[in-house]
N, C-alpha and C. Protein backbone atom coordinates (compact mmCIF):
# COMPACT_ATOMS: atom_id res chain seq x y z
N MET A 1 28.92 100.20 129.40
CA MET A 1 29.80 101.00 129.50
C MET A 1 30.68 101.07 128.73
N ALA A 2 30.95 100.13 128.04
CA ALA A 2 33.11 100.28 128.84
C ALA A 2 32.77 99.48 126.68
N GLU A 3 33.73 100.18 126.30
CA GLU A 3 34.10 99.43 124.43
C GLU A 3 35.28 98.80 124.50
N ASN A 4 35.67 98.05 124.71
CA ASN A 4 36.79 97.21 125.08
C ASN A 4 38.03 97.61 125.67
N GLY A 5 37.27 97.58 126.72
CA GLY A 5 37.37 98.00 128.04
C GLY A 5 38.16 98.91 128.78
N LYS A 6 37.59 100.26 128.11
CA LYS A 6 37.63 101.55 127.36
C LYS A 6 36.55 101.83 128.53
N LYS A 7 36.76 103.19 129.72
CA LYS A 7 35.59 104.55 129.56
C LYS A 7 34.93 104.60 128.56
N LYS A 8 33.69 104.67 128.59
CA LYS A 8 32.82 106.18 127.47
C LYS A 8 33.65 107.26 128.36
N LYS A 9 33.53 108.86 127.32
CA LYS A 9 33.87 109.54 127.90
C LYS A 9 32.89 110.43 128.12
N ILE A 10 32.84 111.47 129.24
CA ILE A 10 31.54 112.59 129.02
C ILE A 10 32.09 113.23 129.26
N LEU A 11 31.75 114.82 128.61
CA LEU A 11 31.72 115.79 129.16
C LEU A 11 31.04 117.15 129.50
N VAL A 12 31.51 117.37 130.26
CA VAL A 12 30.30 118.17 131.24
C VAL A 12 30.66 119.43 130.47
N VAL A 13 29.74 121.01 130.70
CA VAL A 13 30.14 122.22 129.78
C VAL A 13 29.02 122.51 131.09
N ASP A 14 28.76 123.62 132.11
CA ASP A 14 28.43 124.16 132.54
C ASP A 14 29.49 125.06 133.42
N ASP A 15 28.86 126.91 133.21
CA ASP A 15 29.54 128.01 134.50
C ASP A 15 29.05 127.37 135.99
N GLU A 16 28.67 126.11 137.01
CA GLU A 16 28.02 126.02 137.47
C GLU A 16 29.59 124.66 138.59
N GLU A 17 29.91 124.99 139.27
CA GLU A 17 30.94 124.02 139.52
C GLU A 17 29.98 122.89 140.72
N SER A 18 29.16 123.30 141.02
CA SER A 18 28.04 122.11 141.94
C SER A 18 27.91 121.60 140.84
N ILE A 19 26.99 121.48 139.21
CA ILE A 19 27.07 121.12 138.36
C ILE A 19 28.12 120.37 138.05
N HIS A 20 29.63 120.33 138.11
CA HIS A 20 30.01 119.74 137.66
C HIS A 20 30.45 118.99 138.76
N PHE A 21 31.31 119.37 139.95
CA PHE A 21 30.62 118.14 141.33
C PHE A 21 30.18 116.82 140.95
N LEU A 22 28.63 117.29 141.13
CA LEU A 22 27.37 116.52 141.02
C LEU A 22 26.97 115.58 139.58
N TYR A 23 27.58 116.47 138.79
CA TYR A 23 28.04 115.22 137.36
C TYR A 23 29.16 114.77 137.45
N ARG A 24 30.18 115.11 138.11
CA ARG A 24 31.50 113.80 137.96
C ARG A 24 30.96 112.86 139.05
N GLU A 25 30.18 112.91 140.06
CA GLU A 25 30.34 111.82 140.85
C GLU A 25 29.24 110.80 140.68
N GLU A 26 27.84 111.87 139.80
CA GLU A 26 27.56 110.34 139.12
C GLU A 26 27.78 109.68 138.69
N PHE A 27 28.61 110.73 137.53
CA PHE A 27 28.89 109.65 136.11
C PHE A 27 29.87 108.18 136.43
N GLU A 28 30.80 108.59 137.38
CA GLU A 28 31.50 108.81 136.81
C GLU A 28 31.86 107.06 138.32
N GLU A 29 30.87 107.07 139.51
CA GLU A 29 30.19 105.86 139.96
C GLU A 29 29.86 104.51 138.95
N GLU A 30 28.71 105.21 137.95
CA GLU A 30 28.55 104.70 136.93
C GLU A 30 29.54 103.80 136.27
N GLY A 31 31.09 104.34 135.54
CA GLY A 31 31.80 103.67 135.27
C GLY A 31 32.13 103.92 134.11
N TYR A 32 32.01 105.60 134.00
CA TYR A 32 31.90 106.55 132.48
C TYR A 32 33.43 108.01 133.60
N GLU A 33 33.97 108.43 132.38
CA GLU A 33 34.46 108.81 132.63
C GLU A 33 34.47 110.36 132.04
N VAL A 34 34.77 111.15 133.08
CA VAL A 34 33.66 112.98 132.95
C VAL A 34 35.31 113.41 133.14
N THR A 35 34.87 114.80 132.18
CA THR A 35 36.15 115.40 131.85
C THR A 35 35.10 117.25 132.01
N SER A 36 35.70 118.19 132.67
CA SER A 36 34.18 118.58 132.93
C SER A 36 35.13 119.96 131.68
N ALA A 37 34.32 121.87 131.50
CA ALA A 37 34.53 122.31 130.72
C ALA A 37 33.65 123.52 131.32
N MET A 38 33.55 125.36 131.29
CA MET A 38 33.22 126.11 132.49
C MET A 38 32.49 126.95 131.94
N SER A 39 33.40 127.23 130.12
CA SER A 39 32.80 127.81 129.62
C SER A 39 32.68 127.12 127.52
N GLY A 40 32.36 128.03 126.92
CA GLY A 40 31.84 127.53 125.70
C GLY A 40 33.02 127.04 124.74
N GLU A 41 34.63 127.36 125.43
CA GLU A 41 35.40 128.12 123.85
C GLU A 41 36.56 127.41 125.38
N GLU A 42 36.41 126.45 126.55
CA GLU A 42 37.17 125.61 127.22
C GLU A 42 36.19 124.13 126.53
N ALA A 43 35.44 124.35 126.97
CA ALA A 43 34.47 122.99 126.12
C ALA A 43 35.09 122.77 124.49
N LEU A 44 35.33 123.43 123.55
CA LEU A 44 35.71 123.27 122.41
C LEU A 44 37.30 122.42 122.45
N ALA A 45 37.59 123.50 123.05
CA ALA A 45 39.37 122.74 123.39
C ALA A 45 39.65 121.72 123.94
N ALA A 46 38.10 121.06 124.71
CA ALA A 46 38.21 119.67 125.50
C ALA A 46 37.57 118.92 124.77
N PHE A 47 36.96 118.88 124.52
CA PHE A 47 35.83 118.12 122.91
C PHE A 47 36.99 118.12 121.88
N ASP A 48 38.33 118.35 121.46
CA ASP A 48 38.47 118.36 120.42
C ASP A 48 40.06 117.57 121.47
N ALA A 49 40.05 117.61 122.50
CA ALA A 49 41.75 116.95 122.95
C ALA A 49 41.14 116.07 123.48
N ASP A 50 39.88 115.76 124.49
CA ASP A 50 39.31 114.28 125.00
C ASP A 50 39.11 112.86 124.14
N MET A 51 38.16 114.33 122.70
CA MET A 51 37.10 112.44 122.25
C MET A 51 36.43 112.66 122.85
N PRO A 52 35.78 112.83 123.51
CA PRO A 52 35.08 112.55 124.58
C PRO A 52 33.69 111.58 123.98
N ASP A 53 32.79 111.06 123.78
CA ASP A 53 31.49 109.70 123.07
C ASP A 53 30.10 110.35 122.91
N LEU A 54 30.22 111.58 124.31
CA LEU A 54 28.75 112.10 124.89
C LEU A 54 29.38 113.63 125.54
N VAL A 55 28.23 114.34 125.28
CA VAL A 55 28.63 115.83 125.57
C VAL A 55 26.94 115.67 126.41
N ILE A 56 27.56 116.79 127.41
CA ILE A 56 26.62 116.96 128.63
C ILE A 56 26.51 118.67 128.90
N LEU A 57 25.48 119.60 128.23
CA LEU A 57 26.09 121.08 127.67
C LEU A 57 25.45 122.06 128.03
N ASP A 58 25.61 123.91 129.21
CA ASP A 58 24.34 123.68 129.68
C ASP A 58 23.64 125.31 127.89
N ILE A 59 23.30 126.22 128.19
CA ILE A 59 22.87 126.98 127.77
C ILE A 59 23.59 127.44 127.55
N ASN A 60 23.06 128.58 128.88
CA ASN A 60 23.08 129.59 129.74
C ASN A 60 24.56 129.65 129.95
N MET A 61 25.75 130.70 129.77
CA MET A 61 26.94 130.53 129.75
C MET A 61 27.41 131.44 129.41
N PRO A 62 28.61 132.25 130.21
CA PRO A 62 28.82 133.83 129.64
C PRO A 62 29.35 133.32 129.08
N GLY A 63 29.22 134.79 128.25
CA GLY A 63 31.06 134.31 126.82
C GLY A 63 29.98 133.74 125.60
N MET A 64 30.48 132.63 125.38
CA MET A 64 30.12 131.17 124.30
C MET A 64 28.54 130.90 124.47
N ASP A 65 27.58 130.62 123.93
CA ASP A 65 26.49 129.61 124.88
C ASP A 65 27.06 128.63 124.66
N GLY A 66 25.41 127.64 124.99
CA GLY A 66 25.52 127.00 125.08
C GLY A 66 25.31 126.06 122.76
N ILE A 67 24.47 127.24 123.21
CA ILE A 67 23.76 126.50 121.92
C ILE A 67 24.63 126.48 120.10
N GLU A 68 26.31 128.21 120.27
CA GLU A 68 26.93 128.42 119.65
C GLU A 68 27.86 127.35 119.82
N VAL A 69 29.07 126.59 121.87
CA VAL A 69 28.94 125.37 121.13
C VAL A 69 28.41 124.07 120.33
N LEU A 70 27.03 124.01 120.47
CA LEU A 70 26.45 123.23 119.86
C LEU A 70 26.78 122.39 118.65
N ARG A 71 26.37 123.92 117.94
CA ARG A 71 26.89 124.40 116.32
C ARG A 71 27.73 124.04 115.90
N GLN A 72 29.36 124.68 116.71
CA GLN A 72 30.33 124.09 116.39
C GLN A 72 30.39 122.84 116.50
N MET A 73 30.78 121.76 117.64
CA MET A 73 30.65 120.69 118.36
C MET A 73 30.30 119.61 117.09
N LYS A 74 29.10 120.11 116.38
CA LYS A 74 28.53 119.10 115.31
C LYS A 74 28.52 118.94 114.32
N GLN A 75 29.63 120.54 113.58
CA GLN A 75 30.31 120.49 112.42
C GLN A 75 31.44 119.17 112.50
N LYS A 76 32.00 120.00 113.58
CA LYS A 76 33.32 119.23 113.78
C LYS A 76 33.36 117.69 113.46
N ARG A 77 31.97 117.31 114.63
CA ARG A 77 32.02 115.70 114.96
C ARG A 77 30.47 115.32 114.85
N PRO A 78 29.61 115.94 114.29
CA PRO A 78 28.32 115.43 114.15
C PRO A 78 27.38 113.43 114.81
N ASP A 79 28.50 112.59 115.09
CA ASP A 79 27.91 111.85 115.77
C ASP A 79 28.43 111.41 116.85
N VAL A 80 28.95 112.14 117.79
CA VAL A 80 28.59 112.52 118.89
C VAL A 80 27.95 112.88 119.88
N PRO A 81 27.06 112.32 120.14
CA PRO A 81 25.89 112.81 120.08
C PRO A 81 25.54 114.32 121.93
N VAL A 82 25.38 115.04 121.96
CA VAL A 82 25.16 116.70 122.69
C VAL A 82 23.59 116.63 123.29
N ILE A 83 24.07 116.81 124.24
CA ILE A 83 22.58 115.95 125.20
C ILE A 83 22.51 117.62 126.14
N LEU A 84 21.41 118.92 125.45
CA LEU A 84 21.73 119.89 126.55
C LEU A 84 20.79 119.69 128.00
N SER A 85 21.64 120.37 128.74
CA SER A 85 21.04 120.53 129.53
C SER A 85 20.66 121.77 130.32
N SER A 86 19.66 122.25 130.70
CA SER A 86 19.40 123.54 131.45
C SER A 86 17.98 123.73 132.47
N ALA A 87 18.68 124.90 133.23
CA ALA A 87 17.52 124.55 134.51
C ALA A 87 15.52 126.87 133.28
N TYR A 88 16.40 126.24 131.73
CA TYR A 88 15.05 127.25 131.72
C TYR A 88 14.15 126.09 130.58
N PRO A 89 12.57 125.68 130.82
CA PRO A 89 12.53 125.46 129.21
C PRO A 89 12.03 125.35 127.87
N GLU A 90 12.30 126.95 128.69
CA GLU A 90 11.48 128.04 127.07
C GLU A 90 12.54 127.48 125.99
N TYR A 91 14.26 127.53 126.30
CA TYR A 91 15.10 127.16 125.42
C TYR A 91 14.80 126.03 124.34
N LYS A 92 13.41 124.97 124.72
CA LYS A 92 13.37 123.45 124.48
C LYS A 92 12.77 124.28 122.86
N GLN A 93 11.80 125.60 123.55
CA GLN A 93 11.51 125.80 121.45
C GLN A 93 11.62 126.19 120.96
N ASP A 94 13.58 127.03 121.20
CA ASP A 94 14.19 127.97 120.53
C ASP A 94 14.41 126.23 118.71
N LEU A 95 14.88 127.44 117.63
CA LEU A 95 14.65 126.19 116.81
C LEU A 95 16.70 125.57 117.09
N ALA A 96 16.90 126.59 117.39
CA ALA A 96 18.74 126.35 117.21
C ALA A 96 19.04 125.46 118.61
N SER A 97 17.78 124.11 119.32
CA SER A 97 18.32 123.99 120.29
C SER A 97 18.03 122.14 119.45
N TRP A 98 17.31 123.01 118.52
CA TRP A 98 16.91 121.12 117.88
C TRP A 98 17.75 120.72 117.16
N ALA A 99 18.09 120.37 117.09
CA ALA A 99 20.15 120.48 116.68
C ALA A 99 20.73 119.70 117.52
N SER A 100 20.17 119.14 119.05
CA SER A 100 20.66 118.55 119.59
C SER A 100 20.72 117.46 120.31
N ASP A 101 21.03 116.18 119.97
CA ASP A 101 20.17 115.15 120.96
C ASP A 101 19.35 114.44 121.27
N ASP A 102 19.05 115.63 123.11
CA ASP A 102 18.40 115.88 123.80
C ASP A 102 17.82 117.22 124.05
N TYR A 103 16.54 117.34 125.31
CA TYR A 103 16.97 118.02 126.35
C TYR A 103 16.71 117.92 127.18
N ILE A 104 17.50 118.17 128.44
CA ILE A 104 16.95 117.73 129.52
C ILE A 104 16.82 119.28 130.55
N VAL A 105 15.85 119.67 130.97
CA VAL A 105 15.42 120.32 131.76
C VAL A 105 16.23 120.05 133.85
N LYS A 106 17.30 120.84 133.82
CA LYS A 106 17.47 120.18 134.87
C LYS A 106 16.66 120.29 135.83
N SER A 107 17.39 118.83 137.01
CA SER A 107 16.09 119.59 138.19
C SER A 107 16.66 118.81 138.87
N PHE A 108 16.50 118.31 140.34
CA PHE A 108 17.35 117.57 141.80
C PHE A 108 17.50 116.05 141.06
N SER A 109 16.83 115.48 140.42
CA SER A 109 17.15 114.10 140.46
C SER A 109 16.93 113.55 138.62
N LEU A 110 18.72 112.92 139.05
CA LEU A 110 19.39 113.13 137.15
C LEU A 110 18.43 112.13 136.66
N ASP A 111 17.45 111.03 137.19
CA ASP A 111 17.29 109.72 136.55
C ASP A 111 16.85 110.27 135.05
N GLU A 112 16.61 111.31 134.52
CA GLU A 112 16.00 111.50 133.63
C GLU A 112 17.28 111.80 132.19
N LEU A 113 18.57 112.14 133.09
CA LEU A 113 19.78 113.15 132.17
C LEU A 113 20.66 111.58 132.36
N LYS A 114 20.78 110.47 132.94
CA LYS A 114 21.23 109.84 133.05
C LYS A 114 20.28 108.58 132.34
N ASP A 115 19.04 108.58 131.70
CA ASP A 115 18.64 107.28 130.93
C ASP A 115 19.20 108.69 130.23
N SER A 116 18.52 109.20 129.37
CA SER A 116 19.61 109.90 127.77
C SER A 116 21.05 109.35 127.53
N VAL A 117 21.37 109.52 128.79
CA VAL A 117 23.22 109.12 128.63
C VAL A 117 23.05 108.09 128.01
N ARG A 118 22.55 106.71 129.16
CA ARG A 118 23.14 105.14 129.03
C ARG A 118 21.94 105.55 127.52
N ARG A 119 20.96 105.89 127.22
CA ARG A 119 20.38 105.39 125.35
C ARG A 119 21.38 105.92 124.71
N HIS A 120 22.03 107.50 124.24
CA HIS A 120 22.69 107.46 123.60
C HIS A 120 23.99 107.01 123.13
N LEU A 121 24.65 106.55 124.96
CA LEU A 121 26.12 105.54 124.60
C LEU A 121 25.64 104.26 124.42
N ALA A 122 24.77 103.64 123.97
CA ALA A 122 24.22 102.36 123.62
C ALA A 122 23.94 102.65 122.29
N LYS A 123 23.37 103.52 121.97
CA LYS A 123 23.85 103.72 120.43
C LYS A 123 24.76 103.20 119.29
N LYS A 124 26.69 103.89 120.31
CA LYS A 124 27.52 103.88 119.49
C LYS A 124 28.07 102.98 120.22
């Protein structure tokens, strides 16, 4: 988790406050630094300012959707893993979502998401 004593940073992008609270609590407990954004525009600003090591990104958001945010993030920093997290499994079939590093369907268990985060950050 920590590289040179520095915590890995995760940016959580979701329009639901409960997701921010849950992910922040779970990932900080695992030793990560967590920042969050409620919209696509906020996410892009935080991506530039905070320089996260990984992004957990919702697809369905008002305004700019997660697919557009993903595209812009990958243009800026293609090396940063972006995990799409959605309540809708059908987006997994969307070709645009294939640019992400992983696609996790939201569930009550965060095991799959945590495993994906660990796996992607271990590569960095």
